[in-house]
């Protein structure tokens, strides 16, 4: 299982040592995990706030689903 925070998707979080898009960075991490264990990890998007740019989260999710990954959603409880 690979967890991604919805806020990182929305802010396109950049790490100081990486100059790539957050989605591409996550994909690289997942591919490395996949190579090491031989299985596609399930992706969980945590902290989703439906009222806060949900379409951007949905786009991220659909991109990984097109690559044959199972994606689950966990919503922010207020």
PDB file of N, CA and C in Angstrom:
ATOM      1  N   UNK A   1       0.841  -1.162   0.000  1.00  0.00           N
ATOM      2  CA  UNK A   1       0.000   0.000   0.000  1.00  0.00           C
ATOM      3  C   UNK A   1       0.896   1.238   0.000  1.00  0.00           C
ATOM      4  N   UNK A   2       0.576   2.180  -0.868  1.00  0.00           N
ATOM      5  CA  UNK A   2       1.338   3.413  -0.979  1.00  0.00           C
ATOM      6  C   UNK A   2       0.379   4.579  -0.736  1.00  0.00           C
ATOM      7  N   UNK A   3       0.657   5.371   0.286  1.00  0.00           N
ATOM      8  CA  UNK A   3      -0.234   6.464   0.670  1.00  0.00           C
ATOM      9  C   UNK A   3       0.265   7.804   0.144  1.00  0.00           C
ATOM     10  N   UNK A   4      -0.670   8.590  -0.356  1.00  0.00           N
ATOM     11  CA  UNK A   4      -0.383   9.923  -0.871  1.00  0.00           C
ATOM     12  C   UNK A   4      -1.344  10.892  -0.188  1.00  0.00           C
ATOM     13  N   UNK A   5      -0.839  12.017   0.255  1.00  0.00           N
ATOM     14  CA  UNK A   5      -1.675  13.019   0.888  1.00  0.00           C
ATOM     15  C   UNK A   5      -2.286  13.928  -0.176  1.00  0.00           C
ATOM     16  N   UNK A   6      -3.593  14.122  -0.118  1.00  0.00           N
ATOM     17  CA  UNK A   6      -4.286  14.948  -1.107  1.00  0.00           C
ATOM     18  C   UNK A   6      -3.732  16.369  -1.146  1.00  0.00           C
ATOM     19  N   UNK A   7      -3.309  16.891  -0.006  1.00  0.00           N
ATOM     20  CA  UNK A   7      -2.755  18.249   0.026  1.00  0.00           C
ATOM     21  C   UNK A   7      -1.464  18.349  -0.781  1.00  0.00           C
ATOM     22  N   UNK A   8      -0.671  17.283  -0.801  1.00  0.00           N
ATOM     23  CA  UNK A   8       0.554  17.272  -1.603  1.00  0.00           C
ATOM     24  C   UNK A   8       0.235  17.282  -3.091  1.00  0.00           C
ATOM     25  N   UNK A   9      -0.839  16.611  -3.472  1.00  0.00           N
ATOM     26  CA  UNK A   9      -1.267  16.617  -4.876  1.00  0.00           C
ATOM     27  C   UNK A   9      -1.697  18.029  -5.271  1.00  0.00           C
ATOM     28  N   UNK A  10      -2.506  18.651  -4.417  1.00  0.00           N
ATOM     29  CA  UNK A  10      -3.030  19.985  -4.721  1.00  0.00           C
ATOM     30  C   UNK A  10      -1.937  21.037  -4.806  1.00  0.00           C
ATOM     31  N   UNK A  11      -0.912  20.897  -3.959  1.00  0.00           N
ATOM     32  CA  UNK A  11       0.159  21.897  -3.952  1.00  0.00           C
ATOM     33  C   UNK A  11       1.296  21.537  -4.900  1.00  0.00           C
ATOM     34  N   UNK A  12       1.183  20.373  -5.569  1.00  0.00           N
ATOM     35  CA  UNK A  12       2.243  19.857  -6.436  1.00  0.00           C
ATOM     36  C   UNK A  12       3.577  19.894  -5.686  1.00  0.00           C
ATOM     37  N   UNK A  13       3.554  19.307  -4.507  1.00  0.00           N
ATOM     38  CA  UNK A  13       4.690  19.322  -3.584  1.00  0.00           C
ATOM     39  C   UNK A  13       6.010  19.030  -4.302  1.00  0.00           C
ATOM     40  N   UNK A  14       6.980  19.856  -4.068  1.00  0.00           N
ATOM     41  CA  UNK A  14       8.306  19.687  -4.662  1.00  0.00           C
ATOM     42  C   UNK A  14       9.311  19.390  -3.565  1.00  0.00           C
ATOM     43  N   UNK A  15      10.104  18.377  -3.759  1.00  0.00           N
ATOM     44  CA  UNK A  15      11.175  18.084  -2.825  1.00  0.00           C
ATOM     45  C   UNK A  15      12.402  18.879  -3.251  1.00  0.00           C
ATOM     46  N   UNK A  16      13.207  19.248  -2.299  1.00  0.00           N
ATOM     47  CA  UNK A  16      14.341  20.122  -2.604  1.00  0.00           C
ATOM     48  C   UNK A  16      15.357  19.486  -3.555  1.00  0.00           C
ATOM     49  N   UNK A  17      15.421  18.160  -3.559  1.00  0.00           N
ATOM     50  CA  UNK A  17      16.405  17.497  -4.414  1.00  0.00           C
ATOM     51  C   UNK A  17      15.799  16.968  -5.721  1.00  0.00           C
ATOM     52  N   UNK A  18      14.566  17.322  -6.014  1.00  0.00           N
ATOM     53  CA  UNK A  18      13.897  16.838  -7.221  1.00  0.00           C
ATOM     54  C   UNK A  18      13.365  18.016  -8.030  1.00  0.00           C
ATOM     55  N   UNK A  19      13.488  17.939  -9.314  1.00  0.00           N
ATOM     56  CA  UNK A  19      12.960  18.990 -10.189  1.00  0.00           C
ATOM     57  C   UNK A  19      11.886  18.448 -11.112  1.00  0.00           C
ATOM     58  N   UNK A  20      11.068  17.526 -10.593  1.00  0.00           N
ATOM     59  CA  UNK A  20      10.024  16.943 -11.424  1.00  0.00           C
ATOM     60  C   UNK A  20       8.664  17.173 -10.779  1.00  0.00           C
ATOM     61  N   UNK A  21       7.638  16.996 -11.555  1.00  0.00           N
ATOM     62  CA  UNK A  21       6.262  17.124 -11.108  1.00  0.00           C
ATOM     63  C   UNK A  21       5.977  16.093 -10.007  1.00  0.00           C
ATOM     64  N   UNK A  22       5.144  16.450  -9.054  1.00  0.00           N
ATOM     65  CA  UNK A  22       4.844  15.550  -7.930  1.00  0.00           C
ATOM     66  C   UNK A  22       4.278  14.211  -8.406  1.00  0.00           C
ATOM     67  N   UNK A  23       3.389  14.266  -9.382  1.00  0.00           N
ATOM     68  CA  UNK A  23       2.791  13.033  -9.907  1.00  0.00           C
ATOM     69  C   UNK A  23       3.862  12.116 -10.497  1.00  0.00           C
ATOM     70  N   UNK A  24       4.812  12.687 -11.216  1.00  0.00           N
ATOM     71  CA  UNK A  24       5.898  11.895 -11.798  1.00  0.00           C
ATOM     72  C   UNK A  24       6.799  11.310 -10.716  1.00  0.00           C
ATOM     73  N   UNK A  25       7.037  12.094  -9.677  1.00  0.00           N
ATOM     74  CA  UNK A  25       7.863  11.614  -8.563  1.00  0.00           C
ATOM     75  C   UNK A  25       7.188  10.437  -7.857  1.00  0.00           C
ATOM     76  N   UNK A  26       5.894  10.555  -7.606  1.00  0.00           N
ATOM     77  CA  UNK A  26       5.142   9.464  -6.973  1.00  0.00           C
ATOM     78  C   UNK A  26       5.193   8.228  -7.864  1.00  0.00           C
ATOM     79  N   UNK A  27       5.034   8.430  -9.176  1.00  0.00           N
ATOM     80  CA  UNK A  27       5.072   7.299 -10.100  1.00  0.00           C
ATOM     81  C   UNK A  27       6.434   6.601 -10.053  1.00  0.00           C
ATOM     82  N   UNK A  28       7.517   7.362  -9.979  1.00  0.00           N
ATOM     83  CA  UNK A  28       8.856   6.763  -9.868  1.00  0.00           C
ATOM     84  C   UNK A  28       8.983   5.940  -8.592  1.00  0.00           C
ATOM     85  N   UNK A  29       8.501   6.477  -7.486  1.00  0.00           N
ATOM     86  CA  UNK A  29       8.557   5.739  -6.212  1.00  0.00           C
ATOM     87  C   UNK A  29       7.775   4.434  -6.296  1.00  0.00           C
ATOM     88  N   UNK A  30       6.590   4.513  -6.866  1.00  0.00           N
ATOM     89  CA  UNK A  30       5.745   3.323  -6.982  1.00  0.00           C
ATOM     90  C   UNK A  30       6.384   2.288  -7.892  1.00  0.00           C
ATOM     91  N   UNK A  31       6.967   2.732  -8.993  1.00  0.00           N
ATOM     92  CA  UNK A  31       7.647   1.787  -9.903  1.00  0.00           C
ATOM     93  C   UNK A  31       8.816   1.102  -9.199  1.00  0.00           C
ATOM     94  N   UNK A  32       9.564   1.838  -8.370  1.00  0.00           N
ATOM     95  CA  UNK A  32      10.663   1.233  -7.612  1.00  0.00           C
ATOM     96  C   UNK A  32      10.146   0.183  -6.641  1.00  0.00           C
ATOM     97  N   UNK A  33       9.053   0.481  -5.972  1.00  0.00           N
ATOM     98  CA  UNK A  33       8.445  -0.491  -5.056  1.00  0.00           C
ATOM     99  C   UNK A  33       8.008  -1.722  -5.840  1.00  0.00           C
ATOM    100  N   UNK A  34       7.376  -1.480  -6.963  1.00  0.00           N
ATOM    101  CA  UNK A  34       6.888  -2.570  -7.805  1.00  0.00           C
ATOM    102  C   UNK A  34       8.031  -3.481  -8.261  1.00  0.00           C
ATOM    103  N   UNK A  35       9.152  -2.891  -8.645  1.00  0.00           N
ATOM    104  CA  UNK A  35      10.308  -3.680  -9.080  1.00  0.00           C
ATOM    105  C   UNK A  35      10.877  -4.500  -7.932  1.00  0.00           C
ATOM    106  N   UNK A  36      10.901  -3.919  -6.737  1.00  0.00           N
ATOM    107  CA  UNK A  36      11.481  -4.609  -5.580  1.00  0.00           C
ATOM    108  C   UNK A  36      10.622  -5.748  -5.055  1.00  0.00           C
ATOM    109  N   UNK A  37       9.307  -5.571  -5.052  1.00  0.00           N
ATOM    110  CA  UNK A  37       8.451  -6.624  -4.485  1.00  0.00           C
ATOM    111  C   UNK A  37       7.755  -7.459  -5.552  1.00  0.00           C
ATOM    112  N   UNK A  38       7.779  -6.995  -6.794  1.00  0.00           N
ATOM    113  CA  UNK A  38       7.184  -7.763  -7.879  1.00  0.00           C
ATOM    114  C   UNK A  38       5.669  -7.656  -7.960  1.00  0.00           C
ATOM    115  N   UNK A  39       5.080  -6.744  -7.203  1.00  0.00           N
ATOM    116  CA  UNK A  39       3.631  -6.538  -7.217  1.00  0.00           C
ATOM    117  C   UNK A  39       3.318  -5.057  -7.339  1.00  0.00           C
ATOM    118  N   UNK A  40       2.162  -4.765  -7.943  1.00  0.00           N
ATOM    119  CA  UNK A  40       1.727  -3.375  -8.008  1.00  0.00           C
ATOM    120  C   UNK A  40       1.103  -3.009  -6.668  1.00  0.00           C
ATOM    121  N   UNK A  41       1.624  -1.997  -5.997  1.00  0.00           N
ATOM    122  CA  UNK A  41       1.017  -1.603  -4.722  1.00  0.00           C
ATOM    123  C   UNK A  41      -0.312  -0.890  -4.961  1.00  0.00           C
ATOM    124  N   UNK A  42      -1.189  -1.000  -3.998  1.00  0.00           N
ATOM    125  CA  UNK A  42      -2.425  -0.228  -4.035  1.00  0.00           C
ATOM    126  C   UNK A  42      -2.083   1.185  -3.594  1.00  0.00           C
ATOM    127  N   UNK A  43      -2.718   2.171  -4.201  1.00  0.00           N
ATOM    128  CA  UNK A  43      -2.465   3.569  -3.875  1.00  0.00           C
ATOM    129  C   UNK A  43      -3.659   4.093  -3.078  1.00  0.00           C
ATOM    130  N   UNK A  44      -3.358   4.751  -1.975  1.00  0.00           N
ATOM    131  CA  UNK A  44      -4.406   5.348  -1.152  1.00  0.00           C
ATOM    132  C   UNK A  44      -4.179   6.859  -1.112  1.00  0.00           C
ATOM    133  N   UNK A  45      -5.197   7.603  -1.496  1.00  0.00           N
ATOM    134  CA  UNK A  45      -5.135   9.062  -1.409  1.00  0.00           C
ATOM    135  C   UNK A  45      -5.853   9.461  -0.125  1.00  0.00           C
ATOM    136  N   UNK A  46      -5.110  10.018   0.816  1.00  0.00           N
ATOM    137  CA  UNK A  46      -5.632  10.386   2.133  1.00  0.00           C
ATOM    138  C   UNK A  46      -5.985  11.859   2.211  1.00  0.00           C
ATOM    139  N   UNK A  47      -6.865  12.174   3.162  1.00  0.00           N
ATOM    140  CA  UNK A  47      -7.187  13.569   3.502  1.00  0.00           C
ATOM    141  C   UNK A  47      -7.905  14.322   2.390  1.00  0.00           C
ATOM    142  N   UNK A  48      -8.728  13.650   1.625  1.00  0.00           N
ATOM    143  CA  UNK A  48      -9.436  14.307   0.522  1.00  0.00           C
ATOM    144  C   UNK A  48     -10.558  15.169   1.085  1.00  0.00           C
ATOM    145  N   UNK A  49     -10.564  16.424   0.670  1.00  0.00           N
ATOM    146  CA  UNK A  49     -11.623  17.361   1.026  1.00  0.00           C
ATOM    147  C   UNK A  49     -12.429  17.597  -0.254  1.00  0.00           C
ATOM    148  N   UNK A  50     -13.648  17.087  -0.288  1.00  0.00           N
ATOM    149  CA  UNK A  50     -14.455  17.128  -1.510  1.00  0.00           C
ATOM    150  C   UNK A  50     -14.669  18.556  -1.992  1.00  0.00           C
ATOM    151  N   UNK A  51     -14.715  19.519  -1.086  1.00  0.00           N
ATOM    152  CA  UNK A  51     -14.954  20.901  -1.469  1.00  0.00           C
ATOM    153  C   UNK A  51     -13.713  21.633  -1.945  1.00  0.00           C
ATOM    154  N   UNK A  52     -12.560  20.981  -1.917  1.00  0.00           N
ATOM    155  CA  UNK A  52     -11.307  21.664  -2.242  1.00  0.00           C
ATOM    156  C   UNK A  52     -10.655  21.051  -3.475  1.00  0.00           C
ATOM    157  N   UNK A  53     -10.985  21.575  -4.642  1.00  0.00           N
ATOM    158  CA  UNK A  53     -10.364  21.170  -5.906  1.00  0.00           C
ATOM    159  C   UNK A  53     -10.382  19.646  -6.118  1.00  0.00           C
ATOM    160  N   UNK A  54     -11.538  19.044  -5.898  1.00  0.00           N
ATOM    161  CA  UNK A  54     -11.676  17.596  -6.015  1.00  0.00           C
ATOM    162  C   UNK A  54     -11.331  17.101  -7.415  1.00  0.00           C
ATOM    163  N   UNK A  55     -11.572  17.933  -8.439  1.00  0.00           N
ATOM    164  CA  UNK A  55     -11.275  17.521  -9.820  1.00  0.00           C
ATOM    165  C   UNK A  55      -9.793  17.241 -10.021  1.00  0.00           C
ATOM    166  N   UNK A  56      -8.931  17.953  -9.337  1.00  0.00           N
ATOM    167  CA  UNK A  56      -7.489  17.727  -9.441  1.00  0.00           C
ATOM    168  C   UNK A  56      -7.101  16.376  -8.818  1.00  0.00           C
ATOM    169  N   UNK A  57      -7.727  16.041  -7.716  1.00  0.00           N
ATOM    170  CA  UNK A  57      -7.496  14.752  -7.063  1.00  0.00           C
ATOM    171  C   UNK A  57      -8.002  13.630  -7.966  1.00  0.00           C
ATOM    172  N   UNK A  58      -9.174  13.831  -8.546  1.00  0.00           N
ATOM    173  CA  UNK A  58      -9.757  12.828  -9.428  1.00  0.00           C
ATOM    174  C   UNK A  58      -8.881  12.589 -10.653  1.00  0.00           C
ATOM    175  N   UNK A  59      -8.301  13.644 -11.198  1.00  0.00           N
ATOM    176  CA  UNK A  59      -7.394  13.509 -12.348  1.00  0.00           C
ATOM    177  C   UNK A  59      -6.171  12.675 -11.967  1.00  0.00           C
ATOM    178  N   UNK A  60      -5.595  12.949 -10.804  1.00  0.00           N
ATOM    179  CA  UNK A  60      -4.453  12.193 -10.295  1.00  0.00           C
ATOM    180  C   UNK A  60      -4.830  10.712 -10.178  1.00  0.00           C
ATOM    181  N   UNK A  61      -5.985  10.453  -9.598  1.00  0.00           N
ATOM    182  CA  UNK A  61      -6.464   9.081  -9.411  1.00  0.00           C
ATOM    183  C   UNK A  61      -6.645   8.372 -10.754  1.00  0.00           C
ATOM    184  N   UNK A  62      -7.294   9.024 -11.694  1.00  0.00           N
ATOM    185  CA  UNK A  62      -7.553   8.405 -13.000  1.00  0.00           C
ATOM    186  C   UNK A  62      -6.265   8.113 -13.767  1.00  0.00           C
ATOM    187  N   UNK A  63      -5.265   8.982 -13.640  1.00  0.00           N
ATOM    188  CA  UNK A  63      -3.975   8.735 -14.289  1.00  0.00           C
ATOM    189  C   UNK A  63      -3.369   7.421 -13.818  1.00  0.00           C
ATOM    190  N   UNK A  64      -3.430   7.158 -12.526  1.00  0.00           N
ATOM    191  CA  UNK A  64      -2.869   5.914 -12.004  1.00  0.00           C
ATOM    192  C   UNK A  64      -3.757   4.709 -12.322  1.00  0.00           C
ATOM    193  N   UNK A  65      -5.057   4.915 -12.378  1.00  0.00           N
ATOM    194  CA  UNK A  65      -5.946   3.820 -12.770  1.00  0.00           C
ATOM    195  C   UNK A  65      -5.699   3.412 -14.221  1.00  0.00           C
ATOM    196  N   UNK A  66      -5.402   4.380 -15.084  1.00  0.00           N
ATOM    197  CA  UNK A  66      -5.090   4.055 -16.480  1.00  0.00           C
ATOM    198  C   UNK A  66      -3.808   3.217 -16.583  1.00  0.00           C
ATOM    199  N   UNK A  67      -2.939   3.356 -15.598  1.00  0.00           N
ATOM    200  CA  UNK A  67      -1.700   2.573 -15.549  1.00  0.00           C
ATOM    201  C   UNK A  67      -1.906   1.250 -14.812  1.00  0.00           C
ATOM    202  N   UNK A  68      -3.168   0.889 -14.597  1.00  0.00           N
ATOM    203  CA  UNK A  68      -3.559  -0.385 -14.002  1.00  0.00           C
ATOM    204  C   UNK A  68      -3.259  -0.499 -12.495  1.00  0.00           C
ATOM    205  N   UNK A  69      -3.263   0.626 -11.794  1.00  0.00           N
ATOM    206  CA  UNK A  69      -3.111   0.606 -10.342  1.00  0.00           C
ATOM    207  C   UNK A  69      -4.482   0.739  -9.704  1.00  0.00           C
ATOM    208  N   UNK A  70      -4.650   0.066  -8.576  1.00  0.00           N
ATOM    209  CA  UNK A  70      -5.877   0.235  -7.798  1.00  0.00           C
ATOM    210  C   UNK A  70      -5.685   1.438  -6.886  1.00  0.00           C
ATOM    211  N   UNK A  71      -6.653   2.342  -6.948  1.00  0.00           N
ATOM    212  CA  UNK A  71      -6.557   3.568  -6.158  1.00  0.00           C
ATOM    213  C   UNK A  71      -7.773   3.640  -5.240  1.00  0.00           C
ATOM    214  N   UNK A  72      -7.515   3.914  -3.981  1.00  0.00           N
ATOM    215  CA  UNK A  72      -8.570   4.071  -2.984  1.00  0.00           C
ATOM    216  C   UNK A  72      -8.552   5.503  -2.478  1.00  0.00           C
ATOM    217  N   UNK A  73      -9.701   5.944  -1.995  1.00  0.00           N
ATOM    218  CA  UNK A  73      -9.833   7.307  -1.491  1.00  0.00           C
ATOM    219  C   UNK A  73     -10.188   7.277  -0.009  1.00  0.00           C
ATOM    220  N   UNK A  74      -9.576   8.173   0.747  1.00  0.00           N
ATOM    221  CA  UNK A  74      -9.946   8.376   2.156  1.00  0.00           C
ATOM    222  C   UNK A  74     -10.235   9.850   2.333  1.00  0.00           C
ATOM    223  N   UNK A  75     -11.423  10.123   2.821  1.00  0.00           N
ATOM    224  CA  UNK A  75     -11.879  11.499   2.915  1.00  0.00           C
ATOM    225  C   UNK A  75     -11.609  12.109   4.278  1.00  0.00           C
ATOM    226  N   UNK A  76     -11.400  13.414   4.248  1.00  0.00           N
ATOM    227  CA  UNK A  76     -11.164  14.189   5.468  1.00  0.00           C
ATOM    228  C   UNK A  76     -12.478  14.246   6.251  1.00  0.00           C
ATOM    229  N   UNK A  77     -12.376  13.941   7.521  1.00  0.00           N
ATOM    230  CA  UNK A  77     -13.555  13.987   8.385  1.00  0.00           C
ATOM    231  C   UNK A  77     -13.460  15.243   9.238  1.00  0.00           C
ATOM    232  N   UNK A  78     -14.505  16.066   9.143  1.00  0.00           N
ATOM    233  CA  UNK A  78     -14.472  17.317   9.917  1.00  0.00           C
ATOM    234  C   UNK A  78     -15.495  17.310  11.012  1.00  0.00           C
TER     235      UNK A  78
END
